[in-house]
Amino acid sequence: MDGMTTTGSRSRGRSLRRDALGVGSSTAIGIASTAPAYSLAVSVGLLAGYTGAAAPLVLAASAIPVILVALCFRELNRAEPDCGTTFPWTEKAFGMGTGRMVGWTTVMACVLVMSNLAQVAAVYTYLLFGLDTAADSRLAQAGLGTAFILVMALLAYRGIRVAATTQFVLLTVEVVALLWFAINAFREAGSLSIQAFSETGDGAWAAGILVAVFLYWGWDSSFSVNEETRNPRRTPAIAALIANGFLVVLYVVVAWAAVAYAGVDPLADTADDDFFAVLSNDLLGTAGGKFLVGAVLVSALASTQTTILPTARTMLSMARRDAFPGQFARISARYQTPTVSTWVFAGVSVGVYVVLVLTSDAVLADSVAAVSVLVSLYYLATAAAVPVYFKGALRERLVLRLVVPLLASLSFAVVLVLAVADVGTGPLVVVGVTMVVGAAIMFSMKPPAEGEGRA
């Protein structure tokens, strides 16, 4: 590798590139991390099946707990803008043991979702070019998915500005395609109104909210690049809140257009498929259908890169505080990005992806479902950390340091219970193995001596 510097607990100043990102770049990273085109493609049919014509309203209502936890992130980042986000904040609030496990949970959620993103990118590339045989081949999927992970890791490694520019380009394509779909769907429907709000699908409101909440996961990447933004205590929060606001509008508009155009039952019939792939050819023609397939592919690629960015920074932060081996704190002197953390995460992601894609679809599906549980855990831990972190200064900002965190904690505790009750045995086994392995690794490490590993 090119020249590198080692950043440990005593040299945190030689860290990431400072003042590299503004509000726009940070917002693009936060939006792209949610993979809006892909998330909508695989979720709108499921939402319609659960909640019927109320799917757009469920998407809007589900943003409330997400925004609550975003405000918790804002409050903690305002006090301590560390690229590890949840890890250092929960460590300070609850101790090294809890912080380590929360950091591990964050990393593993990202490892598992990388498999899904790489799989989608590989399959959609083959479909886009009419290579149906390759799209059905596990070996071909594994090869192309691996290549995508490594290319996105290289772009992430080459510098945060390169990564941000890439995100702007990919996100623009994605949003244009989604808005094109929505405009044409409303035009064909002949009205903005939804006629059958009495159609409630299965009436599974809790399951619908669970799906909708995790459509928004990824906005916290804006906080993971906090050390590289201008005004790190303020810019990430503005970016994350703008990202959430943009996503609410985008999700509601696209879901509304889909229900208005197709109706509840045809959408519900696509619950196990990509509703864009089912509807787009009739709505937009063959060329338009290809464009939407390309948008979902771009969405998966963009999210692959923006999953690598925050996870590498979480691992770097853990290494700086002696919660991970010191090599993970290495920084490229040329690009000022994490080196070991970026490439180890990419390598582990490739290994997990190849194993899963070559074994069975059930294993892959279980790993993806397990992500919802892991994300619930680290969002809950972050919200719960706020009043403890600020226990000596609650009165200064009582609403933001006590009321909002309690509401966010309650919201995600409920989401977690619903997830555990809903996802079945397979994902819970994945979560259990993840946490046991994490505990074994984290607690086998020698704890830092008193006064070390702290800024």
Protein backbone atom coordinates (compact mmCIF):
# COMPACT_ATOMS: atom_id res chain seq x y z
CA MET A 1 0.00 0.00 0.00
CA ASP A 2 0.96 3.63 -0.26
CA GLY A 3 2.43 5.49 2.68
CA MET A 4 0.39 5.08 5.83
CA THR A 5 0.30 6.55 9.26
CA THR A 6 -0.80 4.69 12.33
CA THR A 7 -3.40 6.44 14.36
CA GLY A 8 -3.74 5.07 17.87
CA SER A 9 -5.30 6.23 21.07
CA ARG A 10 -2.51 8.76 21.53
CA SER A 11 -2.47 10.21 18.00
CA ARG A 12 -6.08 10.80 17.12
CA GLY A 13 -5.32 14.18 15.55
CA ARG A 14 -3.66 12.47 12.54
CA SER A 15 -6.95 11.11 11.41
CA LEU A 16 -9.26 11.58 8.46
CA ARG A 17 -9.36 14.38 5.88
CA ARG A 18 -10.80 17.45 7.56
CA ASP A 19 -13.21 19.97 5.97
CA ALA A 20 -13.74 17.70 2.94
CA LEU A 21 -17.54 17.58 2.93
CA GLY A 22 -20.29 20.15 3.08
CA VAL A 23 -23.98 19.70 3.82
CA GLY A 24 -24.74 18.59 0.25
CA SER A 25 -22.13 15.83 0.13
CA SER A 26 -23.00 14.57 3.59
CA THR A 27 -26.70 14.55 2.69
CA ALA A 28 -26.04 12.57 -0.50
CA ILE A 29 -24.12 9.96 1.48
CA GLY A 30 -26.99 9.67 3.99
CA ILE A 31 -29.65 9.30 1.29
CA ALA A 32 -27.66 6.87 -0.83
CA SER A 33 -27.00 4.63 2.17
CA THR A 34 -30.71 3.84 2.39
CA ALA A 35 -30.73 2.52 -1.23
CA PRO A 36 -34.11 4.17 -1.95
CA ALA A 37 -34.79 2.59 -5.37
CA TYR A 38 -33.90 -0.91 -4.21
CA SER A 39 -35.69 -0.48 -0.87
CA LEU A 40 -38.88 0.67 -2.58
CA ALA A 41 -38.65 -2.04 -5.24
CA VAL A 42 -38.69 -4.87 -2.73
CA SER A 43 -40.91 -3.31 -0.04
CA VAL A 44 -43.89 -1.53 -1.62
CA GLY A 45 -45.61 -4.77 -2.62
CA LEU A 46 -45.05 -6.15 0.87
CA LEU A 47 -46.41 -2.95 2.44
CA ALA A 48 -49.49 -3.07 0.21
CA GLY A 49 -50.09 -6.66 1.30
CA TYR A 50 -49.80 -5.73 4.98
CA THR A 51 -51.62 -2.37 5.05
CA GLY A 52 -53.44 -2.01 1.73
CA ALA A 53 -54.03 1.48 0.38
CA ALA A 54 -52.67 2.98 3.61
CA ALA A 55 -49.11 2.02 2.62
CA PRO A 56 -48.08 5.64 1.82
CA LEU A 57 -49.45 6.83 5.17
CA VAL A 58 -47.63 4.04 7.01
CA LEU A 59 -44.41 5.18 5.34
CA ALA A 60 -45.00 8.73 6.54
CA ALA A 61 -45.89 7.69 10.11
CA SER A 62 -42.91 5.34 10.36
CA ALA A 63 -40.55 8.26 9.86
CA ILE A 64 -41.44 9.55 13.36
CA PRO A 65 -39.32 7.07 15.40
CA VAL A 66 -36.53 7.43 12.84
CA ILE A 67 -36.47 11.20 13.24
CA LEU A 68 -36.55 10.81 17.02
CA VAL A 69 -33.43 8.67 16.98
CA ALA A 70 -31.83 11.06 14.47
CA LEU A 71 -32.30 13.81 17.06
CA CYS A 72 -30.55 11.57 19.59
CA PHE A 73 -27.63 11.19 17.18
CA ARG A 74 -27.59 14.96 16.75
CA GLU A 75 -27.38 15.61 20.48
CA LEU A 76 -24.55 13.13 21.01
CA ASN A 77 -22.65 14.28 17.92
CA ARG A 78 -22.97 17.88 19.11
CA ALA A 79 -21.02 16.90 22.24
CA GLU A 80 -18.60 14.40 20.65
CA PRO A 81 -18.23 14.24 16.85
CA ASP A 82 -16.48 10.87 16.58
CA CYS A 83 -16.68 8.85 13.34
CA GLY A 84 -17.49 5.74 15.38
CA THR A 85 -20.83 7.37 16.36
CA THR A 86 -22.80 4.80 18.35
CA PHE A 87 -19.72 2.99 19.67
CA PRO A 88 -17.94 5.86 21.51
CA TRP A 89 -21.22 7.35 22.74
CA THR A 90 -22.49 4.11 24.29
CA GLU A 91 -19.02 3.33 25.59
CA LYS A 92 -18.91 6.62 27.48
CA ALA A 93 -22.48 6.14 28.76
CA PHE A 94 -22.41 2.44 29.67
CA GLY A 95 -18.76 1.36 29.75
CA MET A 96 -16.31 -0.40 27.43
CA GLY A 97 -18.10 -3.77 27.48
CA THR A 98 -21.41 -2.40 26.25
CA GLY A 99 -19.71 -0.04 23.82
CA ARG A 100 -17.76 -2.90 22.28
CA MET A 101 -20.89 -4.99 21.81
CA VAL A 102 -22.83 -2.09 20.27
CA GLY A 103 -19.93 -1.40 17.92
CA TRP A 104 -19.80 -5.07 16.96
CA THR A 105 -23.58 -5.08 16.36
CA THR A 106 -23.24 -2.10 14.03
CA VAL A 107 -20.42 -3.74 12.06
CA MET A 108 -22.24 -7.07 11.73
CA ALA A 109 -25.47 -5.44 10.56
CA CYS A 110 -23.45 -3.89 7.75
CA VAL A 111 -21.62 -7.14 6.92
CA LEU A 112 -24.93 -8.96 6.55
CA VAL A 113 -26.59 -6.28 4.43
CA MET A 114 -23.55 -6.17 2.12
CA SER A 115 -24.39 -9.70 0.99
CA ASN A 116 -27.86 -8.62 -0.03
CA LEU A 117 -26.67 -5.50 -1.85
CA ALA A 118 -23.97 -7.39 -3.76
CA GLN A 119 -26.46 -10.07 -4.74
CA VAL A 120 -28.97 -7.51 -6.03
CA ALA A 121 -26.28 -5.64 -7.97
CA ALA A 122 -25.04 -8.85 -9.60
CA VAL A 123 -28.47 -10.21 -10.57
CA TYR A 124 -29.73 -6.87 -11.88
CA THR A 125 -26.60 -6.36 -13.99
CA TYR A 126 -27.15 -9.68 -15.70
CA LEU A 127 -30.85 -8.95 -16.21
CA LEU A 128 -30.09 -5.49 -17.59
CA PHE A 129 -27.94 -7.03 -20.33
CA GLY A 130 -30.29 -9.96 -20.98
CA LEU A 131 -27.95 -12.57 -19.48
CA ASP A 132 -30.69 -14.62 -17.84
CA THR A 133 -28.56 -17.77 -17.57
CA ALA A 134 -25.87 -15.93 -15.64
CA ALA A 135 -28.54 -14.27 -13.47
CA ASP A 136 -29.63 -17.75 -12.36
CA SER A 137 -26.10 -19.06 -11.80
CA ARG A 138 -24.88 -18.93 -8.21
CA LEU A 139 -21.25 -19.00 -9.34
CA ALA A 140 -21.80 -16.09 -11.75
CA GLN A 141 -23.64 -14.16 -9.04
CA ALA A 142 -20.81 -14.74 -6.57
CA GLY A 143 -18.15 -13.63 -9.06
CA LEU A 144 -19.81 -10.39 -10.13
CA GLY A 145 -21.02 -9.53 -6.60
CA THR A 146 -17.46 -9.96 -5.32
CA ALA A 147 -16.15 -7.67 -8.05
CA PHE A 148 -18.71 -5.00 -7.14
CA ILE A 149 -17.74 -5.09 -3.45
CA LEU A 150 -14.05 -4.72 -4.27
CA VAL A 151 -14.60 -1.87 -6.77
CA MET A 152 -16.78 0.04 -4.30
CA ALA A 153 -14.18 -0.54 -1.57
CA LEU A 154 -11.51 0.89 -3.88
CA LEU A 155 -13.60 4.01 -4.53
CA ALA A 156 -14.19 4.41 -0.78
CA TYR A 157 -10.46 3.97 -0.13
CA ARG A 158 -9.44 6.51 -2.78
CA GLY A 159 -10.78 9.35 -0.67
CA ILE A 160 -13.96 10.76 0.82
CA ARG A 161 -14.29 13.35 -1.96
CA VAL A 162 -14.14 10.65 -4.64
CA ALA A 163 -16.77 8.71 -2.69
CA ALA A 164 -19.02 11.75 -2.35
CA THR A 165 -18.76 12.57 -6.07
CA THR A 166 -19.64 8.98 -6.94
CA GLN A 167 -22.68 9.18 -4.67
CA PHE A 168 -23.92 12.39 -6.29
CA VAL A 169 -23.81 10.77 -9.74
CA LEU A 170 -25.42 7.48 -8.70
CA LEU A 171 -28.07 9.15 -6.56
CA THR A 172 -29.08 11.52 -9.37
CA VAL A 173 -29.75 8.59 -11.71
CA GLU A 174 -31.71 6.83 -8.98
CA VAL A 175 -33.95 9.78 -8.08
CA VAL A 176 -34.63 10.71 -11.73
CA ALA A 177 -35.80 7.15 -12.41
CA LEU A 178 -38.08 7.08 -9.35
CA LEU A 179 -39.66 10.44 -10.18
CA TRP A 180 -40.14 9.37 -13.81
CA PHE A 181 -41.99 6.29 -12.60
CA ALA A 182 -44.16 8.32 -10.21
CA ILE A 183 -45.08 10.98 -12.81
CA ASN A 184 -46.07 8.35 -15.38
CA ALA A 185 -47.99 6.32 -12.81
CA PHE A 186 -50.05 9.35 -11.77
CA ARG A 187 -50.62 10.26 -15.43
CA GLU A 188 -51.88 6.76 -16.28
CA ALA A 189 -54.01 6.63 -13.14
CA GLY A 190 -55.63 9.90 -14.22
CA SER A 191 -55.84 11.15 -10.65
CA LEU A 192 -53.76 11.74 -7.53
CA SER A 193 -56.47 10.20 -5.36
CA ILE A 194 -56.55 6.65 -4.04
CA GLN A 195 -60.07 5.35 -4.35
CA ALA A 196 -60.10 2.40 -1.98
CA PHE A 197 -58.71 3.45 1.40
CA SER A 198 -61.04 0.82 2.87
CA GLU A 199 -58.72 -1.82 1.40
CA THR A 200 -56.44 -2.56 4.34
CA GLY A 201 -54.69 -5.65 3.02
CA ASP A 202 -54.01 -8.13 5.78
CA GLY A 203 -54.42 -5.42 8.40
CA ALA A 204 -50.94 -6.26 9.69
CA TRP A 205 -50.13 -2.72 10.78
CA ALA A 206 -47.27 -3.64 13.10
CA ALA A 207 -45.50 -5.67 10.41
CA GLY A 208 -46.05 -2.83 7.94
CA ILE A 209 -44.51 -0.28 10.28
CA LEU A 210 -41.56 -2.60 10.86
CA VAL A 211 -40.91 -2.83 7.12
CA ALA A 212 -41.32 0.92 6.69
CA VAL A 213 -38.99 1.88 9.55
CA PHE A 214 -36.13 -0.06 8.04
CA LEU A 215 -36.64 1.50 4.64
CA TYR A 216 -35.04 4.55 6.28
CA TRP A 217 -31.97 2.77 7.70
CA GLY A 218 -28.74 4.32 6.42
CA TRP A 219 -29.24 8.04 7.10
CA ASP A 220 -26.80 7.73 10.03
CA SER A 221 -23.94 7.47 7.51
CA SER A 222 -24.07 11.28 7.50
CA PHE A 223 -22.82 11.15 11.10
CA SER A 224 -20.14 8.54 10.31
CA VAL A 225 -18.31 11.05 8.10
CA ASN A 226 -18.56 13.77 10.76
CA GLU A 227 -14.79 14.15 11.20
CA GLU A 228 -14.48 14.84 7.48
CA THR A 229 -17.19 17.51 7.29
CA ARG A 230 -16.97 21.24 7.72
CA ASN A 231 -18.31 22.09 11.18
CA PRO A 232 -18.45 18.45 12.39
CA ARG A 233 -20.67 19.24 15.38
CA ARG A 234 -23.41 20.75 13.23
CA THR A 235 -23.19 19.68 9.57
CA PRO A 236 -23.92 15.92 10.02
CA ALA A 237 -27.14 16.63 11.92
CA ILE A 238 -28.38 19.04 9.27
CA ALA A 239 -27.52 16.51 6.55
CA ALA A 240 -29.21 13.61 8.35
CA LEU A 241 -32.42 15.55 8.96
CA ILE A 242 -32.50 16.77 5.34
CA ALA A 243 -31.92 13.19 4.17
CA ASN A 244 -34.79 11.91 6.29
CA GLY A 245 -37.11 14.67 5.09
CA PHE A 246 -36.20 13.97 1.46
CA LEU A 247 -36.73 10.24 1.92
CA VAL A 248 -40.15 10.69 3.53
CA VAL A 249 -41.36 12.74 0.55
CA LEU A 250 -39.77 10.42 -2.03
CA TYR A 251 -41.08 7.23 -0.43
CA VAL A 252 -44.61 8.55 0.06
CA VAL A 253 -44.84 9.93 -3.49
CA VAL A 254 -43.60 6.72 -5.14
CA ALA A 255 -45.78 4.46 -2.96
CA TRP A 256 -48.80 6.72 -3.54
CA ALA A 257 -48.23 6.63 -7.31
CA ALA A 258 -47.88 2.84 -7.28
CA VAL A 259 -51.13 2.32 -5.35
CA ALA A 260 -53.01 4.88 -7.48
CA TYR A 261 -51.83 3.25 -10.71
CA ALA A 262 -51.88 -0.47 -9.94
CA GLY A 263 -54.31 -0.84 -7.05
CA VAL A 264 -53.82 -2.78 -3.84
CA ASP A 265 -54.27 -6.38 -4.99
CA PRO A 266 -51.89 -6.28 -7.98
CA LEU A 267 -49.26 -4.61 -5.80
CA ALA A 268 -49.75 -7.16 -3.02
CA ASP A 269 -49.22 -9.91 -5.59
CA THR A 270 -45.67 -8.58 -6.09
CA ALA A 271 -44.83 -8.93 -2.37
CA ASP A 272 -42.19 -11.58 -3.11
CA ASP A 273 -40.86 -9.79 -6.16
CA ASP A 274 -39.64 -6.40 -7.39
CA PHE A 275 -42.78 -4.38 -8.16
CA PHE A 276 -40.85 -2.11 -10.56
CA ALA A 277 -39.91 -5.15 -12.65
CA VAL A 278 -43.55 -6.29 -12.73
CA LEU A 279 -45.16 -2.93 -13.55
CA SER A 280 -42.55 -0.89 -15.37
CA ASN A 281 -42.73 -2.47 -18.84
CA ASP A 282 -46.48 -1.85 -19.13
CA LEU A 283 -46.14 1.66 -17.72
CA LEU A 284 -42.91 2.85 -19.34
CA GLY A 285 -42.26 0.41 -22.18
CA THR A 286 -39.26 -1.86 -22.59
CA ALA A 287 -36.71 0.96 -22.56
CA GLY A 288 -38.30 2.51 -19.48
CA GLY A 289 -38.35 -0.86 -17.75
CA LYS A 290 -34.64 -1.26 -18.44
CA PHE A 291 -34.01 2.20 -17.02
CA LEU A 292 -35.78 1.29 -13.77
CA VAL A 293 -33.83 -1.98 -13.55
CA GLY A 294 -30.70 0.12 -13.99
CA ALA A 295 -31.86 2.46 -11.22
CA VAL A 296 -32.25 -0.44 -8.79
CA LEU A 297 -28.79 -1.66 -9.79
CA VAL A 298 -27.35 1.83 -9.21
CA SER A 299 -29.15 1.98 -5.87
CA ALA A 300 -27.53 -1.25 -4.71
CA LEU A 301 -24.08 -0.12 -5.86
CA ALA A 302 -24.40 3.28 -4.18
CA SER A 303 -25.49 1.66 -0.92
CA THR A 304 -22.63 -0.84 -1.13
CA GLN A 305 -20.13 2.01 -1.13
CA THR A 306 -21.94 3.97 1.58
CA THR A 307 -22.05 0.84 3.76
CA ILE A 308 -18.28 0.47 3.50
CA LEU A 309 -17.67 4.13 4.44
CA PRO A 310 -19.33 4.17 7.90
CA THR A 311 -18.34 0.64 8.87
CA ALA A 312 -14.65 1.25 8.19
CA ARG A 313 -14.87 4.38 10.32
CA THR A 314 -16.59 2.52 13.15
CA MET A 315 -13.78 -0.05 13.14
CA LEU A 316 -11.18 2.73 13.04
CA SER A 317 -12.81 4.44 16.02
CA MET A 318 -12.90 1.20 17.98
CA ALA A 319 -9.20 0.67 17.29
CA ARG A 320 -8.36 4.21 18.43
CA ARG A 321 -9.97 3.42 21.78
CA ASP A 322 -8.34 -0.02 22.14
CA ALA A 323 -11.61 -1.87 21.54
CA PHE A 324 -10.21 -3.37 18.31
CA PRO A 325 -6.65 -4.36 17.28
CA GLY A 326 -4.50 -1.29 16.71
CA GLN A 327 -3.86 -2.11 13.02
CA PHE A 328 -7.47 -1.15 12.26
CA ALA A 329 -6.63 2.48 13.09
CA ARG A 330 -4.22 2.82 10.15
CA ILE A 331 -4.80 5.77 7.84
CA SER A 332 -3.60 6.22 4.27
CA ALA A 333 -1.16 9.14 4.17
CA ARG A 334 -2.10 9.78 0.53
CA TYR A 335 -5.90 9.46 0.65
CA GLN A 336 -6.51 10.09 4.36
CA THR A 337 -8.97 7.20 4.59
CA PRO A 338 -8.98 4.05 6.73
CA THR A 339 -6.79 1.36 5.16
CA VAL A 340 -6.91 -1.86 7.15
CA SER A 341 -10.49 -1.23 8.27
CA THR A 342 -11.72 -0.65 4.71
CA TRP A 343 -10.06 -3.69 3.20
CA VAL A 344 -10.71 -6.08 6.08
CA PHE A 345 -14.39 -5.14 6.03
CA ALA A 346 -14.50 -5.62 2.26
CA GLY A 347 -12.73 -8.97 2.57
CA VAL A 348 -15.04 -10.23 5.31
CA SER A 349 -18.06 -9.03 3.33
CA VAL A 350 -16.86 -10.94 0.27
CA GLY A 351 -16.29 -14.09 2.33
CA VAL A 352 -19.72 -13.97 3.95
CA TYR A 353 -21.40 -13.13 0.64
CA VAL A 354 -19.77 -15.97 -1.29
CA VAL A 355 -20.62 -18.50 1.41
CA LEU A 356 -24.23 -17.39 1.56
CA VAL A 357 -24.84 -17.13 -2.17
CA LEU A 358 -23.32 -20.56 -2.80
CA THR A 359 -25.32 -22.31 -0.08
CA SER A 360 -29.02 -21.48 -0.12
CA ASP A 361 -31.48 -18.67 -0.63
CA ALA A 362 -32.96 -19.36 2.80
CA VAL A 363 -29.65 -18.61 4.51
CA LEU A 364 -29.33 -15.34 2.59
CA ALA A 365 -32.90 -14.32 3.41
CA ASP A 366 -32.38 -15.12 7.08
CA SER A 367 -29.23 -13.00 7.21
CA VAL A 368 -31.06 -10.03 5.70
CA ALA A 369 -34.03 -10.37 8.08
CA ALA A 370 -31.58 -10.49 11.00
CA VAL A 371 -30.37 -7.00 10.06
CA SER A 372 -33.65 -5.51 11.30
CA VAL A 373 -33.02 -6.94 14.76
CA LEU A 374 -29.40 -5.76 14.86
CA VAL A 375 -30.32 -2.25 13.73
CA SER A 376 -33.09 -2.08 16.34
CA LEU A 377 -30.54 -2.97 18.99
CA TYR A 378 -28.02 -0.28 18.11
CA TYR A 379 -30.64 2.43 17.58
CA LEU A 380 -32.18 1.53 20.93
CA ALA A 381 -28.75 1.59 22.61
CA THR A 382 -27.96 5.01 21.11
CA ALA A 383 -31.24 6.55 22.24
CA ALA A 384 -30.89 5.05 25.72
CA ALA A 385 -27.33 6.40 25.99
CA VAL A 386 -28.37 10.06 25.69
CA PRO A 387 -29.75 10.70 29.23
CA VAL A 388 -26.89 8.68 30.75
CA TYR A 389 -24.26 10.48 28.68
CA PHE A 390 -25.64 13.87 29.78
CA LYS A 391 -26.68 12.84 33.30
CA GLY A 392 -24.98 15.84 34.82
CA ALA A 393 -26.46 18.33 32.38
CA LEU A 394 -30.00 17.19 31.61
CA ARG A 395 -31.67 20.41 32.69
CA GLU A 396 -29.81 22.44 30.07
CA ARG A 397 -31.67 20.69 27.22
CA LEU A 398 -34.32 18.62 28.96
CA VAL A 399 -36.48 17.87 25.91
CA LEU A 400 -33.61 16.78 23.67
CA ARG A 401 -31.65 14.94 26.37
CA LEU A 402 -34.50 13.20 28.18
CA VAL A 403 -37.93 13.38 26.54
CA VAL A 404 -36.87 12.67 22.94
CA PRO A 405 -34.48 9.82 23.91
CA LEU A 406 -37.16 8.17 26.06
CA LEU A 407 -39.67 8.32 23.20
CA ALA A 408 -37.08 7.00 20.74
CA SER A 409 -36.07 4.20 23.12
CA LEU A 410 -39.68 3.17 23.61
CA SER A 411 -40.32 3.25 19.85
CA PHE A 412 -37.39 1.02 19.01
CA ALA A 413 -38.02 -1.29 21.95
CA VAL A 414 -41.46 -1.91 20.46
CA VAL A 415 -39.97 -2.34 16.99
CA LEU A 416 -37.47 -4.83 18.41
CA VAL A 417 -40.19 -6.86 20.10
CA LEU A 418 -42.20 -6.89 16.87
CA ALA A 419 -39.13 -7.93 14.89
CA VAL A 420 -38.33 -10.80 17.24
CA ALA A 421 -41.94 -11.96 17.11
CA ASP A 422 -42.14 -11.67 13.34
CA VAL A 423 -38.87 -12.73 11.73
CA GLY A 424 -38.91 -16.42 12.70
CA THR A 425 -36.26 -18.83 13.91
CA GLY A 426 -33.64 -18.50 11.16
CA PRO A 427 -32.85 -14.80 11.58
CA LEU A 428 -32.84 -15.12 15.36
CA VAL A 429 -30.24 -17.89 15.07
CA VAL A 430 -28.12 -15.54 12.91
CA VAL A 431 -28.50 -12.78 15.52
CA GLY A 432 -27.67 -15.18 18.34
CA VAL A 433 -24.53 -16.49 16.62
CA THR A 434 -23.49 -12.92 15.75
CA MET A 435 -23.80 -11.76 19.35
CA VAL A 436 -22.08 -14.83 20.85
CA VAL A 437 -19.17 -14.57 18.42
CA GLY A 438 -18.99 -10.83 19.08
CA ALA A 439 -18.94 -11.35 22.83
CA ALA A 440 -16.18 -13.93 22.53
CA ILE A 441 -14.04 -11.66 20.35
CA MET A 442 -14.69 -8.42 22.21
CA PHE A 443 -14.12 -9.80 25.69
CA SER A 444 -11.05 -11.82 24.71
CA MET A 445 -9.24 -8.54 24.10
CA LYS A 446 -7.21 -7.03 26.87
CA PRO A 447 -9.01 -3.97 28.24
CA PRO A 448 -7.11 -0.68 28.03
CA ALA A 449 -5.17 0.41 31.06
CA GLU A 450 -6.60 3.20 33.16
CA GLY A 451 -6.17 6.50 31.35
CA GLU A 452 -5.41 4.90 27.97
CA GLY A 453 -7.63 4.76 24.91
CA ARG A 454 -9.44 7.96 25.81
CA ALA A 455 -9.34 11.36 24.28
